[in-house]
C-alpha atoms as a PDB file:
ATOM      1  CA  MET A   1       0.336  -0.219   0.203  1.00  0.00           C
ATOM      2  CA  ILE A   2       1.381   3.577  -0.914  1.00  0.00           C
ATOM      3  CA  ILE A   3       0.432   6.740   1.098  1.00  0.00           C
ATOM      4  CA  TYR A   4       0.875   9.799   0.250  1.00  0.00           C
ATOM      5  CA  HIS A   5       1.349  12.882   1.922  1.00  0.00           C
ATOM      6  CA  THR A   6       1.720  16.697   1.378  1.00  0.00           C
ATOM      7  CA  LEU A   7       1.641  20.499   3.592  1.00  0.00           C
ATOM      8  CA  VAL A   8      -0.523  22.776   2.574  1.00  0.00           C
ATOM      9  CA  ASP A   9      -1.101  25.894   3.868  1.00  0.00           C
ATOM     10  CA  SER A  10      -4.373  27.529   5.433  1.00  0.00           C
ATOM     11  CA  MET A  11      -6.016  30.007   7.404  1.00  0.00           C
ATOM     12  CA  VAL A  12      -5.549  28.053  10.389  1.00  0.00           C
ATOM     13  CA  GLY A  13      -1.975  27.122   9.492  1.00  0.00           C
ATOM     14  CA  PRO A  14      -0.287  24.770   8.149  1.00  0.00           C
ATOM     15  CA  LEU A  15      -1.901  21.237   7.320  1.00  0.00           C
ATOM     16  CA  GLY A  16      -0.468  17.328   6.491  1.00  0.00           C
ATOM     17  CA  LEU A  17      -2.307  15.242   4.275  1.00  0.00           C
ATOM     18  CA  ALA A  18      -1.794  11.685   3.913  1.00  0.00           C
ATOM     19  CA  GLY A  19      -3.959   9.318   1.601  1.00  0.00           C
ATOM     20  CA  THR A  20      -4.148   7.105  -1.643  1.00  0.00           C
ATOM     21  CA  GLU A  21      -4.984   8.356  -4.808  1.00  0.00           C
ATOM     22  CA  GLY A  22      -8.384   8.510  -4.247  1.00  0.00           C
ATOM     23  CA  SER A  23      -9.375   8.426  -1.007  1.00  0.00           C
ATOM     24  CA  VAL A  24      -7.874  10.694   2.692  1.00  0.00           C
ATOM     25  CA  CYS A  25      -6.670   8.986   5.566  1.00  0.00           C
ATOM     26  CA  ALA A  26      -5.181  11.717   7.352  1.00  0.00           C
ATOM     27  CA  LEU A  27      -5.346  15.137   8.520  1.00  0.00           C
ATOM     28  CA  THR A  28      -3.472  17.472  10.795  1.00  0.00           C
ATOM     29  CA  LEU A  29      -3.150  20.945  12.302  1.00  0.00           C
ATOM     30  CA  GLY A  30      -1.756  22.640  14.330  1.00  0.00           C
ATOM     31  CA  ALA A  31       1.907  22.580  15.902  1.00  0.00           C
ATOM     32  CA  LYS A  32       4.085  20.100  15.164  1.00  0.00           C
ATOM     33  CA  VAL A  33       1.892  18.808  11.740  1.00  0.00           C
ATOM     34  CA  GLU A  34       4.500  17.073   9.629  1.00  0.00           C
ATOM     35  CA  GLU A  35       5.285  14.977  13.012  1.00  0.00           C
ATOM     36  CA  LYS A  36       1.614  14.455  13.971  1.00  0.00           C
ATOM     37  CA  LEU A  37       1.531  12.950  10.415  1.00  0.00           C
ATOM     38  CA  PHE A  38       4.220  11.035  10.522  1.00  0.00           C
ATOM     39  CA  THR A  39       3.744   9.447  14.227  1.00  0.00           C
ATOM     40  CA  TYR A  40       0.041   8.843  12.954  1.00  0.00           C
ATOM     41  CA  LEU A  41       1.146   7.001   9.924  1.00  0.00           C
ATOM     42  CA  SER A  42       3.598   4.679  11.287  1.00  0.00           C
ATOM     43  CA  ASN A  43       1.457   4.380  14.160  1.00  0.00           C
ATOM     44  CA  THR A  44      -2.010   3.640  11.820  1.00  0.00           C
ATOM     45  CA  TYR A  45      -0.553   1.706   8.327  1.00  0.00           C
ATOM     46  CA  PRO A  46       3.082   0.606   9.135  1.00  0.00           C
ATOM     47  CA  GLU A  47       2.925  -1.400   6.156  1.00  0.00           C
ATOM     48  CA  ALA A  48       2.237   1.542   4.291  1.00  0.00           C
ATOM     49  CA  GLU A  49       5.130   2.874   2.516  1.00  0.00           C
ATOM     50  CA  VAL A  50       4.915   6.639   2.507  1.00  0.00           C
ATOM     51  CA  MET A  51       5.428   9.245  -0.347  1.00  0.00           C
ATOM     52  CA  ALA A  52       5.604  12.848  -0.811  1.00  0.00           C
ATOM     53  CA  SER A  53       3.062  13.704  -3.578  1.00  0.00           C
ATOM     54  CA  GLY A  54       0.835  16.839  -3.637  1.00  0.00           C
ATOM     55  CA  GLN A  55      -0.900  16.093  -7.200  1.00  0.00           C
ATOM     56  CA  VAL A  56      -3.018  13.806  -5.446  1.00  0.00           C
ATOM     57  CA  PHE A  57      -4.244  15.830  -3.297  1.00  0.00           C
ATOM     58  CA  ASN A  58      -5.472  18.778  -6.237  1.00  0.00           C
ATOM     59  CA  LYS A  59      -8.942  17.716  -5.334  1.00  0.00           C
ATOM     60  CA  VAL A  60      -8.698  18.010  -1.462  1.00  0.00           C
ATOM     61  CA  ILE A  61      -6.911  20.911  -1.613  1.00  0.00           C
ATOM     62  CA  ASN A  62      -8.804  22.607  -3.786  1.00  0.00           C
ATOM     63  CA  GLN A  63     -12.502  21.684  -1.423  1.00  0.00           C
ATOM     64  CA  LEU A  64     -10.305  22.932   1.467  1.00  0.00           C
ATOM     65  CA  ASN A  65      -9.701  26.265  -0.026  1.00  0.00           C
ATOM     66  CA  GLU A  66     -13.412  26.699  -0.908  1.00  0.00           C
ATOM     67  CA  TYR A  67     -14.289  25.433   2.690  1.00  0.00           C
ATOM     68  CA  PHE A  68     -11.968  28.567   4.072  1.00  0.00           C
ATOM     69  CA  SER A  69     -13.455  31.052   1.936  1.00  0.00           C
ATOM     70  CA  GLY A  70     -16.673  30.099   2.856  1.00  0.00           C
ATOM     71  CA  ASN A  71     -17.971  28.337  -0.331  1.00  0.00           C
ATOM     72  CA  ARG A  72     -18.147  25.456   0.825  1.00  0.00           C
ATOM     73  CA  THR A  73     -20.757  23.928   3.278  1.00  0.00           C
ATOM     74  CA  GLU A  74     -19.754  20.188   2.870  1.00  0.00           C
ATOM     75  CA  PHE A  75     -16.859  17.960   1.403  1.00  0.00           C
ATOM     76  CA  GLU A  76     -17.184  15.811  -1.364  1.00  0.00           C
ATOM     77  CA  ILE A  77     -14.009  13.648  -0.349  1.00  0.00           C
ATOM     78  CA  LYS A  78     -13.802   9.311  -0.694  1.00  0.00           C
ATOM     79  CA  LEU A  79     -12.047   8.976   3.194  1.00  0.00           C
ATOM     80  CA  THR A  80     -10.875   5.957   4.524  1.00  0.00           C
ATOM     81  CA  PHE A  81     -10.209   5.612   8.209  1.00  0.00           C
ATOM     82  CA  ARG A  82      -8.681   3.102  10.669  1.00  0.00           C
ATOM     83  CA  GLY A  83      -9.917   2.880  14.184  1.00  0.00           C
ATOM     84  CA  THR A  84     -12.498   1.119  16.692  1.00  0.00           C
ATOM     85  CA  ASP A  85     -16.019  -0.217  15.625  1.00  0.00           C
ATOM     86  CA  PHE A  86     -17.094   2.976  17.900  1.00  0.00           C
ATOM     87  CA  GLN A  87     -14.280   5.118  16.903  1.00  0.00           C
ATOM     88  CA  LYS A  88     -16.040   4.655  13.550  1.00  0.00           C
ATOM     89  CA  LYS A  89     -19.771   5.526  14.693  1.00  0.00           C
ATOM     90  CA  VAL A  90     -18.673   8.522  16.284  1.00  0.00           C
ATOM     91  CA  TRP A  91     -16.596   9.959  13.003  1.00  0.00           C
ATOM     92  CA  SER A  92     -19.625   9.261  11.013  1.00  0.00           C
ATOM     93  CA  ALA A  93     -21.964  10.427  13.082  1.00  0.00           C
ATOM     94  CA  LEU A  94     -19.926  14.076  13.206  1.00  0.00           C
ATOM     95  CA  GLN A  95     -20.094  13.883   9.674  1.00  0.00           C
ATOM     96  CA  GLU A  96     -23.913  14.288  10.190  1.00  0.00           C
ATOM     97  CA  ILE A  97     -23.754  17.459  12.202  1.00  0.00           C
ATOM     98  CA  PRO A  98     -24.767  20.257   9.300  1.00  0.00           C
ATOM     99  CA  TYR A  99     -22.555  23.256   8.725  1.00  0.00           C
ATOM    100  CA  GLY A 100     -22.647  25.798  11.619  1.00  0.00           C
ATOM    101  CA  GLN A 101     -24.373  24.030  13.969  1.00  0.00           C
ATOM    102  CA  LEU A 102     -23.373  22.864  17.093  1.00  0.00           C
ATOM    103  CA  ILE A 103     -24.166  19.882  19.293  1.00  0.00           C
ATOM    104  CA  SER A 104     -22.639  18.696  22.808  1.00  0.00           C
ATOM    105  CA  TYR A 105     -20.741  15.771  23.414  1.00  0.00           C
ATOM    106  CA  GLY A 106     -23.639  14.405  25.442  1.00  0.00           C
ATOM    107  CA  GLU A 107     -25.895  14.866  22.747  1.00  0.00           C
ATOM    108  CA  LEU A 108     -23.514  13.676  20.174  1.00  0.00           C
ATOM    109  CA  ALA A 109     -23.562  10.030  22.666  1.00  0.00           C
ATOM    110  CA  LEU A 110     -27.442  10.163  22.844  1.00  0.00           C
ATOM    111  CA  ARG A 111     -27.298  10.038  19.019  1.00  0.00           C
ATOM    112  CA  LEU A 112     -25.441   7.132  18.879  1.00  0.00           C
ATOM    113  CA  ASN A 113     -27.686   5.610  21.498  1.00  0.00           C
ATOM    114  CA  ASN A 114     -25.195   5.143  24.241  1.00  0.00           C
ATOM    115  CA  PRO A 115     -26.575   8.075  26.984  1.00  0.00           C
ATOM    116  CA  GLY A 116     -23.886   8.708  29.319  1.00  0.00           C
ATOM    117  CA  GLY A 117     -20.984   8.202  26.904  1.00  0.00           C
ATOM    118  CA  MET A 118     -20.125  11.927  26.665  1.00  0.00           C
ATOM    119  CA  ARG A 119     -16.563  11.170  27.604  1.00  0.00           C
ATOM    120  CA  ALA A 120     -16.322   8.226  25.368  1.00  0.00           C
ATOM    121  CA  VAL A 121     -17.361  10.169  22.795  1.00  0.00           C
ATOM    122  CA  GLY A 122     -14.973  12.964  23.721  1.00  0.00           C
ATOM    123  CA  ALA A 123     -11.829  10.551  23.233  1.00  0.00           C
ATOM    124  CA  ALA A 124     -12.888   9.252  19.769  1.00  0.00           C
ATOM    125  CA  ASN A 125     -13.762  12.564  19.085  1.00  0.00           C
ATOM    126  CA  GLY A 126     -10.119  13.842  20.050  1.00  0.00           C
ATOM    127  CA  GLN A 127      -8.680  10.889  17.666  1.00  0.00           C
ATOM    128  CA  ASN A 128     -10.667  11.704  14.842  1.00  0.00           C
ATOM    129  CA  PRO A 129      -7.828  10.904  11.909  1.00  0.00           C
ATOM    130  CA  ILE A 130      -9.570  13.569   9.310  1.00  0.00           C
ATOM    131  CA  PRO A 131     -10.546  16.986  11.399  1.00  0.00           C
ATOM    132  CA  ILE A 132     -12.646  19.347   9.829  1.00  0.00           C
ATOM    133  CA  ILE A 133     -13.427  17.208   6.960  1.00  0.00           C
ATOM    134  CA  ILE A 134     -14.946  15.173   9.592  1.00  0.00           C
ATOM    135  CA  PRO A 135     -16.174  18.069  11.483  1.00  0.00           C
ATOM    136  CA  CYS A 136     -15.360  17.295  14.893  1.00  0.00           C
ATOM    137  CA  HIS A 137     -14.931  20.978  15.769  1.00  0.00           C
ATOM    138  CA  ARG A 138     -18.415  21.048  16.081  1.00  0.00           C
ATOM    139  CA  VAL A 139     -18.859  19.414  19.129  1.00  0.00           C
ATOM    140  CA  ILE A 140     -18.700  21.861  22.306  1.00  0.00           C
ATOM    141  CA  ALA A 141     -19.382  20.862  25.944  1.00  0.00           C
ATOM    142  CA  ALA A 142     -22.515  20.772  27.567  1.00  0.00           C
ATOM    143  CA  ASP A 143     -22.080  24.098  29.316  1.00  0.00           C
ATOM    144  CA  GLY A 144     -20.922  25.926  26.018  1.00  0.00           C
ATOM    145  CA  SER A 145     -17.307  25.860  26.366  1.00  0.00           C
ATOM    146  CA  LEU A 146     -15.455  24.327  23.497  1.00  0.00           C
ATOM    147  CA  GLY A 147     -13.846  21.720  25.143  1.00  0.00           C
ATOM    148  CA  GLY A 148     -11.124  20.183  23.527  1.00  0.00           C
ATOM    149  CA  TYR A 149      -9.059  20.266  20.032  1.00  0.00           C
ATOM    150  CA  THR A 150      -6.860  18.125  18.366  1.00  0.00           C
ATOM    151  CA  GLY A 151      -5.573  21.498  16.471  1.00  0.00           C
ATOM    152  CA  GLY A 152      -5.724  23.727  19.639  1.00  0.00           C
ATOM    153  CA  LEU A 153      -8.547  25.707  20.770  1.00  0.00           C
ATOM    154  CA  LYS A 154      -7.549  28.601  18.715  1.00  0.00           C
ATOM    155  CA  ILE A 155      -7.756  26.797  15.270  1.00  0.00           C
ATOM    156  CA  LYS A 156     -11.217  25.511  16.709  1.00  0.00           C
ATOM    157  CA  HIS A 157     -12.434  29.238  17.422  1.00  0.00           C
ATOM    158  CA  LYS A 158     -11.708  30.044  14.060  1.00  0.00           C
ATOM    159  CA  LEU A 159     -13.080  26.919  12.089  1.00  0.00           C
ATOM    160  CA  LEU A 160     -16.631  27.662  14.495  1.00  0.00           C
ATOM    161  CA  ASN A 161     -16.347  31.616  13.540  1.00  0.00           C
ATOM    162  CA  LEU A 162     -15.812  31.113   9.707  1.00  0.00           C
ATOM    163  CA  GLU A 163     -18.736  29.098   9.954  1.00  0.00           C
ATOM    164  CA  GLN A 164     -20.885  31.125  12.249  1.00  0.00           C
ATOM    165  CA  GLN A 165     -20.470  33.900  10.126  1.00  0.00           C
ATOM    166  CA  LYS A 166     -21.716  31.662   6.777  1.00  0.00           C
ATOM    167  CA  TYR A 167     -24.039  30.427   8.495  1.00  0.00           C
ATOM    168  CA  SER A 168     -27.364  32.161   9.362  1.00  0.00           C
ATOM    169  CA  PRO A 169     -30.619  30.115   9.961  1.00  0.00           C
ATOM    170  CA  THR A 170     -33.897  31.511   9.076  1.00  0.00           C
ATOM    171  CA  LEU A 171     -37.137  31.463  10.839  1.00  0.00           C
ATOM    172  CA  PHE A 172     -39.422  31.419   8.132  1.00  0.00           C
END
């Protein structure tokens, strides 16, 4: 298996991308982007040959740029991720949270028929291998505080502000 990787600039700082020719398997952000990307790949895909290639990610980069410019609210990218069955359920549920909307860890646990499973949901959320595209930033604490974020709270705040500026639900 060959996994390609590249680094790209964004409004939230550098992003590390990894995937095959047809799918994304990792996105890292925040401090030590490249180190986090290679650590994740070596732990999760130890059998893979990892090679640099930005061209593989043209579609992904275009969609990320559209998202950051406020012109995209949903991604149309094939994703591949490895994790436990529970983590995969959480990551799939995260993709169902509409753009510009927030839910609590408790609400996400309820949606997964796991009342009281807020900590487990939070842990799986924190292990999301493809943040932004799998929008774990839309999950906050029940008291309205941001909770945590793999890229840091400053980046989570930027992403939420971006979506709140674009999203303005109507009452009619």
